[in-house]
Amino acid sequence: MRDILQAVAAGELSPEAAEAQLSGYATVDAGRFDAARQQRSGVPEAILATGKTPAEIVTLAETSPTTGQRR
């Protein structure tokens, strides 16, 4: 947990991505990202882009624990 908090403080991880890692999912204005889906069901989470703006899709993608880290 400390590593996640330090990454947020350093600007390397978004708060949404940290939430996803800590709780298994994160809810943002654009929708909800279920980071624990693959562990529960064996099927990775996907973003349904229909009806979403490009910015909303980016926001959801940034909540993914694997893509939410800022480099």
PDB file of N, CA and C in Angstrom:
ATOM      1  N   MET A   1       0.817  -1.176   0.000  1.00  0.00           N
ATOM      2  CA  MET A   1       0.000   0.000   0.000  1.00  0.00           C
ATOM      3  C   MET A   1       0.874   1.258   0.000  1.00  0.00           C
ATOM      4  N   ARG A   2       1.954   1.218   0.737  1.00  0.00           N
ATOM      5  CA  ARG A   2       2.841   2.379   0.809  1.00  0.00           C
ATOM      6  C   ARG A   2       3.390   2.727  -0.580  1.00  0.00           C
ATOM      7  N   ASP A   3       3.745   1.701  -1.365  1.00  0.00           N
ATOM      8  CA  ASP A   3       4.256   1.945  -2.719  1.00  0.00           C
ATOM      9  C   ASP A   3       3.226   2.677  -3.571  1.00  0.00           C
ATOM     10  N   ILE A   4       1.980   2.280  -3.446  1.00  0.00           N
ATOM     11  CA  ILE A   4       0.911   2.924  -4.213  1.00  0.00           C
ATOM     12  C   ILE A   4       0.758   4.377  -3.793  1.00  0.00           C
ATOM     13  N   LEU A   5       0.740   4.621  -2.485  1.00  0.00           N
ATOM     14  CA  LEU A   5       0.594   5.996  -1.989  1.00  0.00           C
ATOM     15  C   LEU A   5       1.784   6.864  -2.395  1.00  0.00           C
ATOM     16  N   GLN A   6       2.968   6.301  -2.355  1.00  0.00           N
ATOM     17  CA  GLN A   6       4.152   7.056  -2.768  1.00  0.00           C
ATOM     18  C   GLN A   6       4.093   7.374  -4.260  1.00  0.00           C
ATOM     19  N   ALA A   7       3.603   6.448  -5.066  1.00  0.00           N
ATOM     20  CA  ALA A   7       3.483   6.690  -6.504  1.00  0.00           C
ATOM     21  C   ALA A   7       2.476   7.802  -6.783  1.00  0.00           C
ATOM     22  N   VAL A   8       1.384   7.843  -6.032  1.00  0.00           N
ATOM     23  CA  VAL A   8       0.412   8.934  -6.186  1.00  0.00           C
ATOM     24  C   VAL A   8       1.061  10.253  -5.791  1.00  0.00           C
ATOM     25  N   ALA A   9       1.736  10.280  -4.660  1.00  0.00           N
ATOM     26  CA  ALA A   9       2.380  11.510  -4.184  1.00  0.00           C
ATOM     27  C   ALA A   9       3.421  12.020  -5.172  1.00  0.00           C
ATOM     28  N   ALA A  10       4.096  11.110  -5.856  1.00  0.00           N
ATOM     29  CA  ALA A  10       5.129  11.492  -6.813  1.00  0.00           C
ATOM     30  C   ALA A  10       4.552  11.838  -8.187  1.00  0.00           C
ATOM     31  N   GLY A  11       3.241  11.661  -8.359  1.00  0.00           N
ATOM     32  CA  GLY A  11       2.624  11.942  -9.648  1.00  0.00           C
ATOM     33  C   GLY A  11       2.831  10.843 -10.673  1.00  0.00           C
ATOM     34  N   GLU A  12       3.274   9.675 -10.227  1.00  0.00           N
ATOM     35  CA  GLU A  12       3.523   8.550 -11.129  1.00  0.00           C
ATOM     36  C   GLU A  12       2.284   7.677 -11.321  1.00  0.00           C
ATOM     37  N   LEU A  13       1.280   7.851 -10.471  1.00  0.00           N
ATOM     38  CA  LEU A  13       0.068   7.048 -10.509  1.00  0.00           C
ATOM     39  C   LEU A  13      -1.110   7.963 -10.218  1.00  0.00           C
ATOM     40  N   SER A  14      -2.138   7.856 -11.021  1.00  0.00           N
ATOM     41  CA  SER A  14      -3.319   8.695 -10.795  1.00  0.00           C
ATOM     42  C   SER A  14      -4.069   8.194  -9.563  1.00  0.00           C
ATOM     43  N   PRO A  15      -4.803   9.076  -8.882  1.00  0.00           N
ATOM     44  CA  PRO A  15      -5.606   8.627  -7.745  1.00  0.00           C
ATOM     45  C   PRO A  15      -6.602   7.541  -8.143  1.00  0.00           C
ATOM     46  N   GLU A  16      -7.157   7.630  -9.353  1.00  0.00           N
ATOM     47  CA  GLU A  16      -8.103   6.618  -9.822  1.00  0.00           C
ATOM     48  C   GLU A  16      -7.435   5.256  -9.976  1.00  0.00           C
ATOM     49  N   ALA A  17      -6.228   5.251 -10.524  1.00  0.00           N
ATOM     50  CA  ALA A  17      -5.503   3.990 -10.687  1.00  0.00           C
ATOM     51  C   ALA A  17      -5.135   3.408  -9.326  1.00  0.00           C
ATOM     52  N   ALA A  18      -4.778   4.269  -8.390  1.00  0.00           N
ATOM     53  CA  ALA A  18      -4.471   3.805  -7.037  1.00  0.00           C
ATOM     54  C   ALA A  18      -5.709   3.176  -6.403  1.00  0.00           C
ATOM     55  N   GLU A  19      -6.860   3.822  -6.588  1.00  0.00           N
ATOM     56  CA  GLU A  19      -8.108   3.273  -6.053  1.00  0.00           C
ATOM     57  C   GLU A  19      -8.390   1.901  -6.659  1.00  0.00           C
ATOM     58  N   ALA A  20      -8.177   1.777  -7.963  1.00  0.00           N
ATOM     59  CA  ALA A  20      -8.411   0.498  -8.635  1.00  0.00           C
ATOM     60  C   ALA A  20      -7.511  -0.580  -8.056  1.00  0.00           C
ATOM     61  N   GLN A  21      -6.264  -0.248  -7.804  1.00  0.00           N
ATOM     62  CA  GLN A  21      -5.331  -1.240  -7.260  1.00  0.00           C
ATOM     63  C   GLN A  21      -5.705  -1.620  -5.833  1.00  0.00           C
ATOM     64  N   LEU A  22      -6.152  -0.651  -5.050  1.00  0.00           N
ATOM     65  CA  LEU A  22      -6.450  -0.921  -3.652  1.00  0.00           C
ATOM     66  C   LEU A  22      -7.803  -1.600  -3.444  1.00  0.00           C
ATOM     67  N   SER A  23      -8.788  -1.247  -4.244  1.00  0.00           N
ATOM     68  CA  SER A  23     -10.130  -1.762  -3.999  1.00  0.00           C
ATOM     69  C   SER A  23     -10.611  -2.758  -5.044  1.00  0.00           C
ATOM     70  N   GLY A  24      -9.900  -2.871  -6.150  1.00  0.00           N
ATOM     71  CA  GLY A  24     -10.330  -3.776  -7.198  1.00  0.00           C
ATOM     72  C   GLY A  24     -11.121  -3.071  -8.284  1.00  0.00           C
ATOM     73  N   TYR A  25     -11.638  -1.880  -8.010  1.00  0.00           N
ATOM     74  CA  TYR A  25     -12.332  -1.111  -9.037  1.00  0.00           C
ATOM     75  C   TYR A  25     -12.263   0.369  -8.691  1.00  0.00           C
ATOM     76  N   ALA A  26     -12.483   1.181  -9.685  1.00  0.00           N
ATOM     77  CA  ALA A  26     -12.509   2.630  -9.494  1.00  0.00           C
ATOM     78  C   ALA A  26     -13.662   3.210 -10.285  1.00  0.00           C
ATOM     79  N   THR A  27     -14.336   4.161  -9.685  1.00  0.00           N
ATOM     80  CA  THR A  27     -15.433   4.840 -10.354  1.00  0.00           C
ATOM     81  C   THR A  27     -15.013   6.278 -10.625  1.00  0.00           C
ATOM     82  N   VAL A  28     -15.123   6.677 -11.868  1.00  0.00           N
ATOM     83  CA  VAL A  28     -14.832   8.051 -12.281  1.00  0.00           C
ATOM     84  C   VAL A  28     -16.050   8.574 -13.031  1.00  0.00           C
ATOM     85  N   ASP A  29     -16.051   9.856 -13.376  1.00  0.00           N
ATOM     86  CA  ASP A  29     -17.194  10.431 -14.078  1.00  0.00           C
ATOM     87  C   ASP A  29     -17.539   9.666 -15.358  1.00  0.00           C
ATOM     88  N   ALA A  30     -16.537   9.115 -16.008  1.00  0.00           N
ATOM     89  CA  ALA A  30     -16.743   8.423 -17.280  1.00  0.00           C
ATOM     90  C   ALA A  30     -17.324   7.017 -17.107  1.00  0.00           C
ATOM     91  N   GLY A  31     -17.279   6.484 -15.901  1.00  0.00           N
ATOM     92  CA  GLY A  31     -17.792   5.142 -15.670  1.00  0.00           C
ATOM     93  C   GLY A  31     -16.996   4.420 -14.603  1.00  0.00           C
ATOM     94  N   ARG A  32     -17.064   3.109 -14.615  1.00  0.00           N
ATOM     95  CA  ARG A  32     -16.375   2.295 -13.610  1.00  0.00           C
ATOM     96  C   ARG A  32     -15.421   1.323 -14.289  1.00  0.00           C
ATOM     97  N   PHE A  33     -14.233   1.207 -13.744  1.00  0.00           N
ATOM     98  CA  PHE A  33     -13.240   0.262 -14.243  1.00  0.00           C
ATOM     99  C   PHE A  33     -13.073  -0.834 -13.203  1.00  0.00           C
ATOM    100  N   ASP A  34     -13.313  -2.074 -13.595  1.00  0.00           N
ATOM    101  CA  ASP A  34     -13.241  -3.219 -12.693  1.00  0.00           C
ATOM    102  C   ASP A  34     -11.894  -3.905 -12.862  1.00  0.00           C
ATOM    103  N   ALA A  35     -10.927  -3.499 -12.057  1.00  0.00           N
ATOM    104  CA  ALA A  35      -9.570  -4.028 -12.178  1.00  0.00           C
ATOM    105  C   ALA A  35      -9.454  -5.459 -11.663  1.00  0.00           C
ATOM    106  N   ALA A  36     -10.401  -5.911 -10.869  1.00  0.00           N
ATOM    107  CA  ALA A  36     -10.331  -7.258 -10.304  1.00  0.00           C
ATOM    108  C   ALA A  36     -11.122  -8.276 -11.135  1.00  0.00           C
ATOM    109  N   ARG A  37     -11.684  -7.850 -12.234  1.00  0.00           N
ATOM    110  CA  ARG A  37     -12.528  -8.737 -13.044  1.00  0.00           C
ATOM    111  C   ARG A  37     -11.784  -9.999 -13.495  1.00  0.00           C
ATOM    112  N   GLN A  38     -10.566  -9.838 -13.968  1.00  0.00           N
ATOM    113  CA  GLN A  38      -9.821 -10.998 -14.460  1.00  0.00           C
ATOM    114  C   GLN A  38      -9.571 -12.002 -13.340  1.00  0.00           C
ATOM    115  N   GLN A  39      -9.268 -11.521 -12.150  1.00  0.00           N
ATOM    116  CA  GLN A  39      -9.050 -12.440 -11.033  1.00  0.00           C
ATOM    117  C   GLN A  39     -10.332 -13.180 -10.669  1.00  0.00           C
ATOM    118  N   ARG A  40     -11.467 -12.470 -10.738  1.00  0.00           N
ATOM    119  CA  ARG A  40     -12.741 -13.093 -10.375  1.00  0.00           C
ATOM    120  C   ARG A  40     -13.272 -14.031 -11.445  1.00  0.00           C
ATOM    121  N   SER A  41     -13.178 -13.610 -12.717  1.00  0.00           N
ATOM    122  CA  SER A  41     -13.865 -14.346 -13.779  1.00  0.00           C
ATOM    123  C   SER A  41     -12.947 -14.947 -14.832  1.00  0.00           C
ATOM    124  N   GLY A  42     -11.679 -14.554 -14.824  1.00  0.00           N
ATOM    125  CA  GLY A  42     -10.762 -15.031 -15.851  1.00  0.00           C
ATOM    126  C   GLY A  42     -10.828 -14.228 -17.137  1.00  0.00           C
ATOM    127  N   VAL A  43     -11.697 -13.227 -17.172  1.00  0.00           N
ATOM    128  CA  VAL A  43     -11.863 -12.376 -18.355  1.00  0.00           C
ATOM    129  C   VAL A  43     -11.425 -10.960 -17.985  1.00  0.00           C
ATOM    130  N   PRO A  44     -10.484 -10.376 -18.723  1.00  0.00           N
ATOM    131  CA  PRO A  44     -10.028  -9.025 -18.372  1.00  0.00           C
ATOM    132  C   PRO A  44     -11.109  -7.970 -18.618  1.00  0.00           C
ATOM    133  N   GLU A  45     -10.998  -6.882 -17.914  1.00  0.00           N
ATOM    134  CA  GLU A  45     -11.919  -5.762 -18.080  1.00  0.00           C
ATOM    135  C   GLU A  45     -11.698  -5.122 -19.448  1.00  0.00           C
ATOM    136  N   ALA A  46     -12.761  -4.626 -20.028  1.00  0.00           N
ATOM    137  CA  ALA A  46     -12.705  -3.918 -21.303  1.00  0.00           C
ATOM    138  C   ALA A  46     -13.496  -2.627 -21.155  1.00  0.00           C
ATOM    139  N   ILE A  47     -13.192  -1.663 -21.984  1.00  0.00           N
ATOM    140  CA  ILE A  47     -13.913  -0.397 -21.964  1.00  0.00           C
ATOM    141  C   ILE A  47     -14.895  -0.389 -23.121  1.00  0.00           C
ATOM    142  N   LEU A  48     -16.169  -0.258 -22.815  1.00  0.00           N
ATOM    143  CA  LEU A  48     -17.191  -0.127 -23.840  1.00  0.00           C
ATOM    144  C   LEU A  48     -17.180   1.336 -24.284  1.00  0.00           C
ATOM    145  N   ALA A  49     -16.719   1.592 -25.482  1.00  0.00           N
ATOM    146  CA  ALA A  49     -16.510   2.953 -25.953  1.00  0.00           C
ATOM    147  C   ALA A  49     -17.753   3.598 -26.545  1.00  0.00           C
ATOM    148  N   THR A  50     -18.763   2.803 -26.852  1.00  0.00           N
ATOM    149  CA  THR A  50     -19.976   3.341 -27.458  1.00  0.00           C
ATOM    150  C   THR A  50     -20.565   4.433 -26.575  1.00  0.00           C
ATOM    151  N   GLY A  51     -20.758   5.612 -27.156  1.00  0.00           N
ATOM    152  CA  GLY A  51     -21.356   6.725 -26.434  1.00  0.00           C
ATOM    153  C   GLY A  51     -20.391   7.517 -25.574  1.00  0.00           C
ATOM    154  N   LYS A  52     -19.138   7.121 -25.525  1.00  0.00           N
ATOM    155  CA  LYS A  52     -18.145   7.842 -24.729  1.00  0.00           C
ATOM    156  C   LYS A  52     -17.285   8.715 -25.633  1.00  0.00           C
ATOM    157  N   THR A  53     -16.854   9.835 -25.078  1.00  0.00           N
ATOM    158  CA  THR A  53     -15.946  10.709 -25.807  1.00  0.00           C
ATOM    159  C   THR A  53     -14.533  10.128 -25.727  1.00  0.00           C
ATOM    160  N   PRO A  54     -13.641  10.548 -26.615  1.00  0.00           N
ATOM    161  CA  PRO A  54     -12.251  10.092 -26.499  1.00  0.00           C
ATOM    162  C   PRO A  54     -11.647  10.408 -25.122  1.00  0.00           C
ATOM    163  N   ALA A  55     -11.981  11.565 -24.566  1.00  0.00           N
ATOM    164  CA  ALA A  55     -11.446  11.935 -23.247  1.00  0.00           C
ATOM    165  C   ALA A  55     -11.956  10.989 -22.159  1.00  0.00           C
ATOM    166  N   GLU A  56     -13.212  10.578 -22.244  1.00  0.00           N
ATOM    167  CA  GLU A  56     -13.760   9.637 -21.256  1.00  0.00           C
ATOM    168  C   GLU A  56     -13.077   8.279 -21.365  1.00  0.00           C
ATOM    169  N   ILE A  57     -12.791   7.848 -22.581  1.00  0.00           N
ATOM    170  CA  ILE A  57     -12.108   6.572 -22.791  1.00  0.00           C
ATOM    171  C   ILE A  57     -10.702   6.632 -22.197  1.00  0.00           C
ATOM    172  N   VAL A  58     -10.017   7.746 -22.417  1.00  0.00           N
ATOM    173  CA  VAL A  58      -8.681   7.923 -21.849  1.00  0.00           C
ATOM    174  C   VAL A  58      -8.751   7.889 -20.329  1.00  0.00           C
ATOM    175  N   THR A  59      -9.722   8.574 -19.745  1.00  0.00           N
ATOM    176  CA  THR A  59      -9.878   8.588 -18.291  1.00  0.00           C
ATOM    177  C   THR A  59     -10.075   7.176 -17.748  1.00  0.00           C
ATOM    178  N   LEU A  60     -10.930   6.405 -18.394  1.00  0.00           N
ATOM    179  CA  LEU A  60     -11.139   5.024 -17.948  1.00  0.00           C
ATOM    180  C   LEU A  60      -9.884   4.190 -18.118  1.00  0.00           C
ATOM    181  N   ALA A  61      -9.194   4.348 -19.226  1.00  0.00           N
ATOM    182  CA  ALA A  61      -7.960   3.582 -19.444  1.00  0.00           C
ATOM    183  C   ALA A  61      -6.907   3.930 -18.392  1.00  0.00           C
ATOM    184  N   GLU A  62      -6.873   5.174 -17.975  1.00  0.00           N
ATOM    185  CA  GLU A  62      -5.901   5.590 -16.967  1.00  0.00           C
ATOM    186  C   GLU A  62      -6.200   5.006 -15.593  1.00  0.00           C
ATOM    187  N   THR A  63      -7.414   4.516 -15.367  1.00  0.00           N
ATOM    188  CA  THR A  63      -7.736   3.904 -14.083  1.00  0.00           C
ATOM    189  C   THR A  63      -7.231   2.460 -13.988  1.00  0.00           C
ATOM    190  N   SER A  64      -6.858   1.891 -15.124  1.00  0.00           N
ATOM    191  CA  SER A  64      -6.339   0.532 -15.133  1.00  0.00           C
ATOM    192  C   SER A  64      -5.026   0.481 -14.359  1.00  0.00           C
ATOM    193  N   PRO A  65      -4.861  -0.473 -13.467  1.00  0.00           N
ATOM    194  CA  PRO A  65      -3.609  -0.559 -12.719  1.00  0.00           C
ATOM    195  C   PRO A  65      -2.395  -0.737 -13.623  1.00  0.00           C
ATOM    196  N   THR A  66      -2.589  -1.317 -14.808  1.00  0.00           N
ATOM    197  CA  THR A  66      -1.440  -1.541 -15.697  1.00  0.00           C
ATOM    198  C   THR A  66      -1.161  -0.352 -16.583  1.00  0.00           C
ATOM    199  N   THR A  67      -2.169   0.502 -16.836  1.00  0.00           N
ATOM    200  CA  THR A  67      -1.942   1.652 -17.706  1.00  0.00           C
ATOM    201  C   THR A  67      -2.040   2.963 -16.957  1.00  0.00           C
ATOM    202  N   GLY A  68      -2.495   2.936 -15.737  1.00  0.00           N
ATOM    203  CA  GLY A  68      -2.716   4.169 -14.986  1.00  0.00           C
ATOM    204  C   GLY A  68      -1.460   4.834 -14.497  1.00  0.00           C
ATOM    205  N   GLN A  69      -0.327   4.154 -14.605  1.00  0.00           N
ATOM    206  CA  GLN A  69       0.924   4.761 -14.152  1.00  0.00           C
ATOM    207  C   GLN A  69       1.400   5.754 -15.179  1.00  0.00           C
ATOM    208  N   ARG A  70       1.727   6.922 -14.687  1.00  0.00           N
ATOM    209  CA  ARG A  70       2.250   7.965 -15.579  1.00  0.00           C
ATOM    210  C   ARG A  70       3.748   7.819 -15.650  1.00  0.00           C
ATOM    211  N   ARG A  71       4.267   7.857 -16.858  1.00  0.00           N
ATOM    212  CA  ARG A  71       5.710   7.676 -17.040  1.00  0.00           C
ATOM    213  C   ARG A  71       6.346   8.970 -17.476  1.00  0.00           C
TER     214      ARG A  71
END
